Amino acid sequence: MAITGSERAKKRLHNFVPGLCLFLAGLAALAFSLYPMYVIRPFREQEPVPLARALWVQLHDKAILLAIFALITILALLVWRRAGWVAKLVLAPAMVVSLLAVGVSWFNPYEQMMFHPYGEPRYVAIQQAGIDAKDMVIVVTLNGESRAYPIREMGYHHVVNDRLHQLPIVVTY
């Protein structure tokens, strides 16, 4: 008995819909893990309700995302055995995306790349500084000597370790 073209197409697409659903679930898990990074970002006003949600997600996301990853992986492996090659093209990324969601939940770029003390600031004369008249600065003056720390720079570091008249100072924002 010969297999028709439509039967071959059905076999290739077999379990495509469950695979697509698992892939979309993996994307939803990734969006869930990225939500705190979207809400809690510098130089942006943060509303109380989204901030509360983002902090809740940050506190609970690891366990939730590990469970989602395990569930997606188990279901994808169960579907895999009976799936056609087209469905497998969706099942494999579903597992990868859900694993990526778990990895993202353990990494906070704001803590890893930003918000580190600025250890050795460079200074220039006010005439050479690239500060706009509307830029806000934190100014420290000691015995007639002043230093200005731009808020746009402090927003990334929050702390500057410096010396003024050979005295160690810490400037924070």
N, C-alpha and C. Protein backbone atom coordinates (compact mmCIF):
# COMPACT_ATOMS: atom_id res chain seq x y z
N MET A 1 0.84 -1.16 0.00
CA MET A 1 0.00 0.00 0.00
C MET A 1 0.90 1.24 0.00
N ALA A 2 0.66 2.15 -0.91
CA ALA A 2 1.47 3.35 -1.07
C ALA A 2 0.95 4.45 -0.14
N ILE A 3 1.90 5.23 0.36
CA ILE A 3 1.56 6.36 1.22
C ILE A 3 1.40 7.59 0.34
N THR A 4 0.29 8.27 0.48
CA THR A 4 0.03 9.45 -0.34
C THR A 4 0.78 10.66 0.23
N GLY A 5 0.86 11.71 -0.57
CA GLY A 5 1.54 12.94 -0.15
C GLY A 5 0.89 13.58 1.06
N SER A 6 -0.42 13.54 1.12
CA SER A 6 -1.10 14.16 2.27
C SER A 6 -0.85 13.36 3.54
N GLU A 7 -0.73 12.04 3.43
CA GLU A 7 -0.43 11.22 4.60
C GLU A 7 0.99 11.49 5.10
N ARG A 8 1.94 11.69 4.17
CA ARG A 8 3.31 12.03 4.56
C ARG A 8 3.35 13.38 5.26
N ALA A 9 2.61 14.33 4.73
CA ALA A 9 2.56 15.67 5.34
C ALA A 9 1.97 15.59 6.74
N LYS A 10 0.93 14.78 6.90
CA LYS A 10 0.32 14.62 8.23
C LYS A 10 1.31 13.99 9.20
N LYS A 11 2.09 13.01 8.70
CA LYS A 11 3.06 12.35 9.56
C LYS A 11 4.17 13.33 9.99
N ARG A 12 4.61 14.16 9.03
CA ARG A 12 5.65 15.16 9.37
C ARG A 12 5.14 16.15 10.41
N LEU A 13 3.87 16.54 10.27
CA LEU A 13 3.29 17.54 11.17
C LEU A 13 2.72 16.93 12.44
N HIS A 14 2.77 15.60 12.55
CA HIS A 14 2.21 14.93 13.72
C HIS A 14 2.81 15.52 14.99
N ASN A 15 1.97 15.92 15.90
CA ASN A 15 2.34 16.51 17.19
C ASN A 15 2.97 17.90 17.05
N PHE A 16 2.71 18.57 15.92
CA PHE A 16 3.23 19.92 15.77
C PHE A 16 2.54 20.88 16.73
N VAL A 17 1.23 20.76 16.90
CA VAL A 17 0.48 21.67 17.78
C VAL A 17 0.94 21.54 19.23
N PRO A 18 1.09 20.31 19.78
CA PRO A 18 1.62 20.23 21.14
C PRO A 18 3.04 20.81 21.24
N GLY A 19 3.85 20.58 20.22
CA GLY A 19 5.20 21.15 20.22
C GLY A 19 5.17 22.66 20.20
N LEU A 20 4.28 23.22 19.39
CA LEU A 20 4.13 24.67 19.33
C LEU A 20 3.66 25.22 20.67
N CYS A 21 2.74 24.52 21.31
CA CYS A 21 2.26 24.94 22.64
C CYS A 21 3.39 24.92 23.66
N LEU A 22 4.23 23.89 23.61
CA LEU A 22 5.37 23.83 24.54
C LEU A 22 6.36 24.94 24.25
N PHE A 23 6.58 25.26 22.97
CA PHE A 23 7.47 26.36 22.61
C PHE A 23 6.92 27.68 23.13
N LEU A 24 5.62 27.91 22.97
CA LEU A 24 5.00 29.14 23.48
C LEU A 24 5.07 29.20 25.00
N ALA A 25 4.95 28.05 25.66
CA ALA A 25 5.10 28.01 27.11
C ALA A 25 6.53 28.38 27.51
N GLY A 26 7.50 27.92 26.73
CA GLY A 26 8.90 28.30 26.98
C GLY A 26 9.11 29.79 26.81
N LEU A 27 8.48 30.39 25.78
CA LEU A 27 8.58 31.84 25.59
C LEU A 27 7.91 32.59 26.74
N ALA A 28 6.79 32.07 27.22
CA ALA A 28 6.12 32.69 28.37
C ALA A 28 7.01 32.62 29.62
N ALA A 29 7.69 31.49 29.80
CA ALA A 29 8.61 31.37 30.93
C ALA A 29 9.76 32.36 30.80
N LEU A 30 10.26 32.55 29.59
CA LEU A 30 11.34 33.53 29.37
C LEU A 30 10.84 34.94 29.67
N ALA A 31 9.64 35.28 29.23
CA ALA A 31 9.07 36.60 29.53
C ALA A 31 8.90 36.79 31.03
N PHE A 32 8.48 35.73 31.72
CA PHE A 32 8.32 35.77 33.18
C PHE A 32 9.67 36.06 33.84
N SER A 33 10.73 35.41 33.36
CA SER A 33 12.05 35.62 33.97
C SER A 33 12.63 36.99 33.65
N LEU A 34 12.25 37.57 32.52
CA LEU A 34 12.76 38.90 32.12
C LEU A 34 11.96 40.05 32.74
N TYR A 35 10.79 39.76 33.25
CA TYR A 35 9.91 40.82 33.78
C TYR A 35 10.60 41.69 34.84
N PRO A 36 11.27 41.11 35.85
CA PRO A 36 11.93 41.99 36.83
C PRO A 36 12.97 42.92 36.20
N MET A 37 13.71 42.42 35.21
CA MET A 37 14.71 43.27 34.56
C MET A 37 14.06 44.41 33.79
N TYR A 38 12.88 44.15 33.25
CA TYR A 38 12.17 45.19 32.52
C TYR A 38 11.66 46.27 33.47
N VAL A 39 11.11 45.86 34.60
CA VAL A 39 10.51 46.81 35.54
C VAL A 39 11.57 47.53 36.35
N ILE A 40 12.54 46.79 36.87
CA ILE A 40 13.54 47.37 37.77
C ILE A 40 14.76 47.74 36.93
N ARG A 41 14.71 48.89 36.31
CA ARG A 41 15.85 49.35 35.53
C ARG A 41 16.13 50.80 35.86
N PRO A 42 17.38 51.19 35.76
CA PRO A 42 17.75 52.54 36.19
C PRO A 42 17.18 53.61 35.27
N PHE A 43 17.11 54.81 35.81
CA PHE A 43 16.70 56.01 35.09
C PHE A 43 15.27 55.93 34.57
N ARG A 44 14.43 55.28 35.32
CA ARG A 44 13.04 55.15 34.92
C ARG A 44 12.19 55.16 36.18
N GLU A 45 11.11 55.91 36.15
CA GLU A 45 10.22 55.93 37.29
C GLU A 45 9.57 54.55 37.44
N GLN A 46 9.54 54.08 38.66
CA GLN A 46 8.99 52.75 38.91
C GLN A 46 7.70 52.88 39.71
N GLU A 47 6.63 52.38 39.13
CA GLU A 47 5.32 52.42 39.78
C GLU A 47 5.26 51.35 40.87
N PRO A 48 4.52 51.60 41.96
CA PRO A 48 4.48 50.65 43.07
C PRO A 48 3.96 49.25 42.72
N VAL A 49 2.87 49.16 41.95
CA VAL A 49 2.28 47.85 41.66
C VAL A 49 3.20 47.00 40.79
N PRO A 50 3.70 47.51 39.65
CA PRO A 50 4.64 46.68 38.87
C PRO A 50 5.91 46.34 39.64
N LEU A 51 6.38 47.27 40.46
CA LEU A 51 7.57 47.00 41.26
C LEU A 51 7.32 45.89 42.26
N ALA A 52 6.16 45.90 42.90
CA ALA A 52 5.82 44.83 43.84
C ALA A 52 5.74 43.49 43.12
N ARG A 53 5.13 43.49 41.92
CA ARG A 53 5.07 42.24 41.13
C ARG A 53 6.46 41.76 40.75
N ALA A 54 7.30 42.69 40.30
CA ALA A 54 8.65 42.32 39.88
C ALA A 54 9.46 41.77 41.05
N LEU A 55 9.30 42.35 42.22
CA LEU A 55 10.02 41.84 43.40
C LEU A 55 9.50 40.47 43.80
N TRP A 56 8.18 40.24 43.67
CA TRP A 56 7.62 38.92 43.95
C TRP A 56 8.20 37.90 42.98
N VAL A 57 8.24 38.26 41.70
CA VAL A 57 8.80 37.35 40.69
C VAL A 57 10.25 37.05 41.01
N GLN A 58 11.01 38.08 41.39
CA GLN A 58 12.42 37.88 41.70
C GLN A 58 12.62 36.94 42.89
N LEU A 59 11.71 36.99 43.84
CA LEU A 59 11.82 36.11 45.01
C LEU A 59 11.42 34.66 44.70
N HIS A 60 10.51 34.45 43.76
CA HIS A 60 9.95 33.12 43.53
C HIS A 60 10.28 32.51 42.18
N ASP A 61 10.93 33.24 41.30
CA ASP A 61 11.07 32.77 39.92
C ASP A 61 11.93 31.53 39.74
N LYS A 62 12.94 31.36 40.56
CA LYS A 62 13.84 30.22 40.35
C LYS A 62 13.13 28.88 40.49
N ALA A 63 12.37 28.72 41.56
CA ALA A 63 11.65 27.46 41.77
C ALA A 63 10.56 27.27 40.71
N ILE A 64 9.84 28.33 40.41
CA ILE A 64 8.78 28.24 39.41
C ILE A 64 9.35 27.88 38.04
N LEU A 65 10.43 28.56 37.66
CA LEU A 65 11.01 28.32 36.33
C LEU A 65 11.68 26.95 36.24
N LEU A 66 12.26 26.47 37.33
CA LEU A 66 12.82 25.11 37.31
C LEU A 66 11.70 24.09 37.11
N ALA A 67 10.57 24.30 37.78
CA ALA A 67 9.43 23.38 37.62
C ALA A 67 8.89 23.46 36.19
N ILE A 68 8.79 24.66 35.63
CA ILE A 68 8.30 24.81 34.25
C ILE A 68 9.27 24.15 33.27
N PHE A 69 10.57 24.34 33.48
CA PHE A 69 11.56 23.71 32.62
C PHE A 69 11.45 22.19 32.68
N ALA A 70 11.32 21.64 33.89
CA ALA A 70 11.18 20.19 34.03
C ALA A 70 9.91 19.69 33.34
N LEU A 71 8.82 20.40 33.52
CA LEU A 71 7.55 20.00 32.90
C LEU A 71 7.64 20.08 31.37
N ILE A 72 8.17 21.16 30.84
CA ILE A 72 8.30 21.30 29.38
C ILE A 72 9.21 20.22 28.82
N THR A 73 10.31 19.95 29.50
CA THR A 73 11.26 18.94 29.03
C THR A 73 10.63 17.55 29.04
N ILE A 74 9.95 17.21 30.13
CA ILE A 74 9.31 15.89 30.21
C ILE A 74 8.25 15.74 29.12
N LEU A 75 7.40 16.76 28.98
CA LEU A 75 6.36 16.68 27.95
C LEU A 75 6.96 16.66 26.54
N ALA A 76 7.99 17.44 26.32
CA ALA A 76 8.63 17.46 25.00
C ALA A 76 9.25 16.10 24.67
N LEU A 77 9.87 15.47 25.65
CA LEU A 77 10.46 14.15 25.41
C LEU A 77 9.40 13.08 25.17
N LEU A 78 8.25 13.21 25.85
CA LEU A 78 7.16 12.27 25.60
C LEU A 78 6.59 12.44 24.20
N VAL A 79 6.43 13.69 23.78
CA VAL A 79 5.89 13.97 22.44
C VAL A 79 6.92 13.63 21.37
N TRP A 80 8.20 13.79 21.69
CA TRP A 80 9.31 13.62 20.74
C TRP A 80 9.26 12.26 20.03
N ARG A 81 9.00 11.22 20.81
CA ARG A 81 9.03 9.86 20.25
C ARG A 81 8.02 9.66 19.14
N ARG A 82 6.89 10.34 19.22
CA ARG A 82 5.84 10.16 18.21
C ARG A 82 5.75 11.33 17.24
N ALA A 83 6.65 12.30 17.39
CA ALA A 83 6.56 13.52 16.57
C ALA A 83 7.27 13.35 15.24
N GLY A 84 6.77 14.07 14.26
CA GLY A 84 7.44 14.15 12.97
C GLY A 84 8.60 15.13 13.05
N TRP A 85 9.38 15.20 11.98
CA TRP A 85 10.57 16.05 12.04
C TRP A 85 10.22 17.54 12.13
N VAL A 86 9.10 17.96 11.59
CA VAL A 86 8.69 19.37 11.70
C VAL A 86 8.37 19.70 13.16
N ALA A 87 7.68 18.80 13.82
CA ALA A 87 7.35 19.02 15.24
C ALA A 87 8.62 19.04 16.08
N LYS A 88 9.59 18.22 15.73
CA LYS A 88 10.85 18.20 16.48
C LYS A 88 11.61 19.52 16.34
N LEU A 89 11.38 20.22 15.21
CA LEU A 89 12.01 21.52 15.02
C LEU A 89 11.45 22.56 15.99
N VAL A 90 10.31 22.29 16.58
CA VAL A 90 9.72 23.20 17.56
C VAL A 90 9.98 22.69 18.98
N LEU A 91 10.02 21.37 19.14
CA LEU A 91 10.22 20.80 20.48
C LEU A 91 11.61 21.10 21.04
N ALA A 92 12.64 20.99 20.22
CA ALA A 92 14.00 21.24 20.70
C ALA A 92 14.16 22.69 21.17
N PRO A 93 13.73 23.69 20.38
CA PRO A 93 13.83 25.06 20.89
C PRO A 93 12.96 25.32 22.11
N ALA A 94 11.86 24.59 22.26
CA ALA A 94 11.01 24.76 23.45
C ALA A 94 11.81 24.43 24.71
N MET A 95 12.57 23.34 24.66
CA MET A 95 13.38 22.96 25.81
C MET A 95 14.51 23.97 26.03
N VAL A 96 15.13 24.44 24.95
CA VAL A 96 16.24 25.39 25.06
C VAL A 96 15.75 26.73 25.62
N VAL A 97 14.62 27.21 25.12
CA VAL A 97 14.09 28.49 25.60
C VAL A 97 13.71 28.41 27.07
N SER A 98 13.12 27.30 27.49
CA SER A 98 12.76 27.17 28.91
C SER A 98 14.01 27.06 29.78
N LEU A 99 15.06 26.42 29.28
CA LEU A 99 16.33 26.38 30.02
C LEU A 99 16.94 27.77 30.08
N LEU A 100 16.86 28.52 29.00
CA LEU A 100 17.35 29.90 28.98
C LEU A 100 16.61 30.75 30.01
N ALA A 101 15.31 30.53 30.15
CA ALA A 101 14.53 31.26 31.15
C ALA A 101 15.05 30.99 32.55
N VAL A 102 15.41 29.73 32.83
CA VAL A 102 15.97 29.39 34.14
C VAL A 102 17.29 30.11 34.33
N GLY A 103 18.14 30.10 33.30
CA GLY A 103 19.44 30.77 33.40
C GLY A 103 19.30 32.27 33.62
N VAL A 104 18.37 32.88 32.94
CA VAL A 104 18.15 34.33 33.08
C VAL A 104 17.71 34.66 34.50
N SER A 105 16.97 33.79 35.13
CA SER A 105 16.49 34.07 36.49
C SER A 105 17.64 34.13 37.50
N TRP A 106 18.76 33.54 37.18
CA TRP A 106 19.92 33.55 38.09
C TRP A 106 20.87 34.70 37.81
N PHE A 107 20.60 35.48 36.78
CA PHE A 107 21.52 36.53 36.36
C PHE A 107 20.80 37.86 36.36
N ASN A 108 21.32 38.83 37.09
CA ASN A 108 20.77 40.17 37.10
C ASN A 108 21.83 41.11 36.53
N PRO A 109 21.63 41.60 35.31
CA PRO A 109 22.67 42.41 34.69
C PRO A 109 22.95 43.70 35.44
N TYR A 110 21.97 44.23 36.15
CA TYR A 110 22.19 45.47 36.87
C TYR A 110 23.16 45.25 38.03
N GLU A 111 23.11 44.08 38.65
CA GLU A 111 24.04 43.79 39.73
C GLU A 111 25.39 43.34 39.19
N GLN A 112 25.40 42.66 38.06
CA GLN A 112 26.64 42.12 37.51
C GLN A 112 27.48 43.16 36.77
N MET A 113 26.82 44.02 35.99
CA MET A 113 27.56 44.94 35.14
C MET A 113 27.51 46.39 35.63
N MET A 114 26.55 46.69 36.43
CA MET A 114 26.41 48.07 36.90
C MET A 114 26.44 48.05 38.42
N PHE A 115 26.22 49.16 39.01
CA PHE A 115 26.12 49.32 40.45
C PHE A 115 27.35 48.83 41.21
N HIS A 116 28.50 48.99 40.62
CA HIS A 116 29.74 48.70 41.32
C HIS A 116 30.39 50.03 41.67
N PRO A 117 31.04 50.12 42.82
CA PRO A 117 31.67 51.39 43.18
C PRO A 117 32.62 51.87 42.10
N TYR A 118 32.56 53.14 41.86
CA TYR A 118 33.46 53.77 40.91
C TYR A 118 34.72 54.07 41.68
N GLY A 119 35.80 53.32 41.44
CA GLY A 119 36.99 53.35 42.29
C GLY A 119 37.93 54.51 42.07
N GLU A 120 38.26 54.84 40.83
CA GLU A 120 39.24 55.88 40.58
C GLU A 120 38.68 56.89 39.57
N PRO A 121 37.91 57.86 40.06
CA PRO A 121 37.34 58.82 39.13
C PRO A 121 38.40 59.73 38.51
N ARG A 122 38.15 60.13 37.27
CA ARG A 122 39.01 61.09 36.57
C ARG A 122 38.36 62.45 36.64
N TYR A 123 39.16 63.48 36.75
CA TYR A 123 38.60 64.82 36.85
C TYR A 123 39.16 65.71 35.77
N VAL A 124 38.30 66.64 35.34
CA VAL A 124 38.70 67.66 34.37
C VAL A 124 38.18 68.99 34.88
N ALA A 125 38.75 70.06 34.34
CA ALA A 125 38.28 71.40 34.71
C ALA A 125 36.84 71.57 34.21
N ILE A 126 36.09 72.41 34.87
CA ILE A 126 34.68 72.58 34.53
C ILE A 126 34.48 73.04 33.10
N GLN A 127 35.45 73.78 32.55
CA GLN A 127 35.34 74.24 31.17
C GLN A 127 35.45 73.07 30.18
N GLN A 128 36.14 72.03 30.56
CA GLN A 128 36.35 70.86 29.68
C GLN A 128 35.32 69.76 29.92
N ALA A 129 34.56 69.88 30.99
CA ALA A 129 33.60 68.83 31.33
C ALA A 129 32.45 68.82 30.33
N GLY A 130 32.00 67.66 29.99
CA GLY A 130 30.89 67.51 29.05
C GLY A 130 29.56 67.49 29.78
N ILE A 131 29.35 68.47 30.64
CA ILE A 131 28.12 68.51 31.44
C ILE A 131 27.21 69.59 30.87
N ASP A 132 25.99 69.22 30.59
CA ASP A 132 24.98 70.14 30.10
C ASP A 132 24.48 71.00 31.26
N ALA A 133 23.98 72.16 30.96
CA ALA A 133 23.49 73.06 32.01
C ALA A 133 22.33 72.43 32.79
N LYS A 134 21.60 71.51 32.18
CA LYS A 134 20.46 70.87 32.86
C LYS A 134 20.86 69.61 33.63
N ASP A 135 22.10 69.15 33.47
CA ASP A 135 22.54 67.95 34.17
C ASP A 135 22.61 68.19 35.68
N MET A 136 22.13 67.22 36.44
CA MET A 136 22.21 67.31 37.89
C MET A 136 23.53 66.67 38.34
N VAL A 137 24.12 67.25 39.38
CA VAL A 137 25.38 66.74 39.92
C VAL A 137 25.30 66.71 41.44
N ILE A 138 26.13 65.88 42.02
CA ILE A 138 26.34 65.90 43.47
C ILE A 138 27.66 66.62 43.66
N VAL A 139 27.68 67.63 44.51
CA VAL A 139 28.89 68.41 44.72
C VAL A 139 29.37 68.20 46.15
N VAL A 140 30.67 67.95 46.27
CA VAL A 140 31.31 67.84 47.58
C VAL A 140 32.37 68.93 47.64
N THR A 141 32.33 69.76 48.69
CA THR A 141 33.31 70.84 48.86
C THR A 141 33.98 70.66 50.22
N LEU A 142 35.29 70.74 50.21
CA LEU A 142 36.06 70.61 51.44
C LEU A 142 37.22 71.59 51.36
N ASN A 143 37.29 72.51 52.31
CA ASN A 143 38.36 73.52 52.37
C ASN A 143 38.55 74.24 51.04
N GLY A 144 37.47 74.62 50.41
CA GLY A 144 37.54 75.39 49.17
C GLY A 144 37.74 74.58 47.90
N GLU A 145 37.98 73.30 48.01
CA GLU A 145 38.11 72.46 46.82
C GLU A 145 36.80 71.70 46.62
N SER A 146 36.32 71.70 45.38
CA SER A 146 35.03 71.06 45.08
C SER A 146 35.19 69.99 44.02
N ARG A 147 34.33 69.00 44.13
CA ARG A 147 34.22 67.96 43.11
C ARG A 147 32.75 67.81 42.77
N ALA A 148 32.48 67.59 41.49
CA ALA A 148 31.10 67.37 41.04
C ALA A 148 31.00 65.98 40.43
N TYR A 149 30.00 65.25 40.84
CA TYR A 149 29.77 63.89 40.35
C TYR A 149 28.42 63.88 39.61
N PRO A 150 28.43 63.71 38.29
CA PRO A 150 27.17 63.73 37.53
C PRO A 150 26.24 62.59 37.96
N ILE A 151 24.97 62.93 38.12
CA ILE A 151 23.96 61.93 38.50
C ILE A 151 23.86 60.83 37.45
N ARG A 152 23.98 61.20 36.17
CA ARG A 152 23.87 60.17 35.12
C ARG A 152 24.97 59.13 35.25
N GLU A 153 26.12 59.51 35.79
CA GLU A 153 27.20 58.56 36.03
C GLU A 153 26.97 57.82 37.36
N MET A 154 26.50 58.55 38.35
CA MET A 154 26.24 57.95 39.66
C MET A 154 25.10 56.94 39.59
N GLY A 155 24.17 57.13 38.67
CA GLY A 155 23.05 56.21 38.54
C GLY A 155 23.48 54.80 38.21
N TYR A 156 24.63 54.66 37.58
CA TYR A 156 25.13 53.33 37.24
C TYR A 156 25.98 52.74 38.36
N HIS A 157 26.61 53.56 39.14
CA HIS A 157 27.54 53.05 40.14
C HIS A 157 27.00 53.21 41.56
N HIS A 158 26.30 54.27 41.83
CA HIS A 158 25.72 54.58 43.13
C HIS A 158 26.74 54.92 44.19
N VAL A 159 27.98 54.54 44.02
CA VAL A 159 29.01 54.81 45.02
C VAL A 159 30.30 55.21 44.32
N VAL A 160 30.93 56.27 44.82
CA VAL A 160 32.25 56.67 44.32
C VAL A 160 33.19 56.72 45.51
N ASN A 161 34.27 55.99 45.42
CA ASN A 161 35.34 56.07 46.42
C ASN A 161 36.35 57.07 45.90
N ASP A 162 36.63 58.09 46.68
CA ASP A 162 37.48 59.19 46.20
C ASP A 162 38.33 59.71 47.35
N ARG A 163 39.17 60.66 47.01
CA ARG A 163 39.98 61.37 48.00
C ARG A 163 39.85 62.85 47.71
N LEU A 164 39.68 63.63 48.76
CA LEU A 164 39.60 65.08 48.65
C LEU A 164 40.50 65.63 49.74
N HIS A 165 41.52 66.39 49.36
CA HIS A 165 42.55 66.87 50.30
C HIS A 165 43.18 65.69 51.04
N GLN A 166 43.45 64.64 50.31
CA GLN A 166 44.06 63.41 50.83
C GLN A 166 43.21 62.67 51.86
N LEU A 167 41.97 63.11 52.02
CA LEU A 167 41.07 62.39 52.92
C LEU A 167 40.18 61.47 52.10
N PRO A 168 40.01 60.22 52.52
CA PRO A 168 39.11 59.33 51.78
C PRO A 168 37.66 59.76 52.00
N ILE A 169 36.91 59.81 50.92
CA ILE A 169 35.48 60.13 51.00
C ILE A 169 34.70 59.09 50.19
N VAL A 170 33.47 58.94 50.55
CA VAL A 170 32.55 58.08 49.80
C VAL A 170 31.34 58.94 49.46
N VAL A 171 31.05 58.99 48.15
CA VAL A 171 29.90 59.73 47.66
C VAL A 171 28.89 58.71 47.18
N THR A 172 27.65 58.85 47.59
CA THR A 172 26.64 57.88 47.22
C THR A 172 25.37 58.56 46.74
N TYR A 173 24.63 57.84 45.94
CA TYR A 173 23.39 58.36 45.38
C TYR A 173 22.36 57.26 45.39
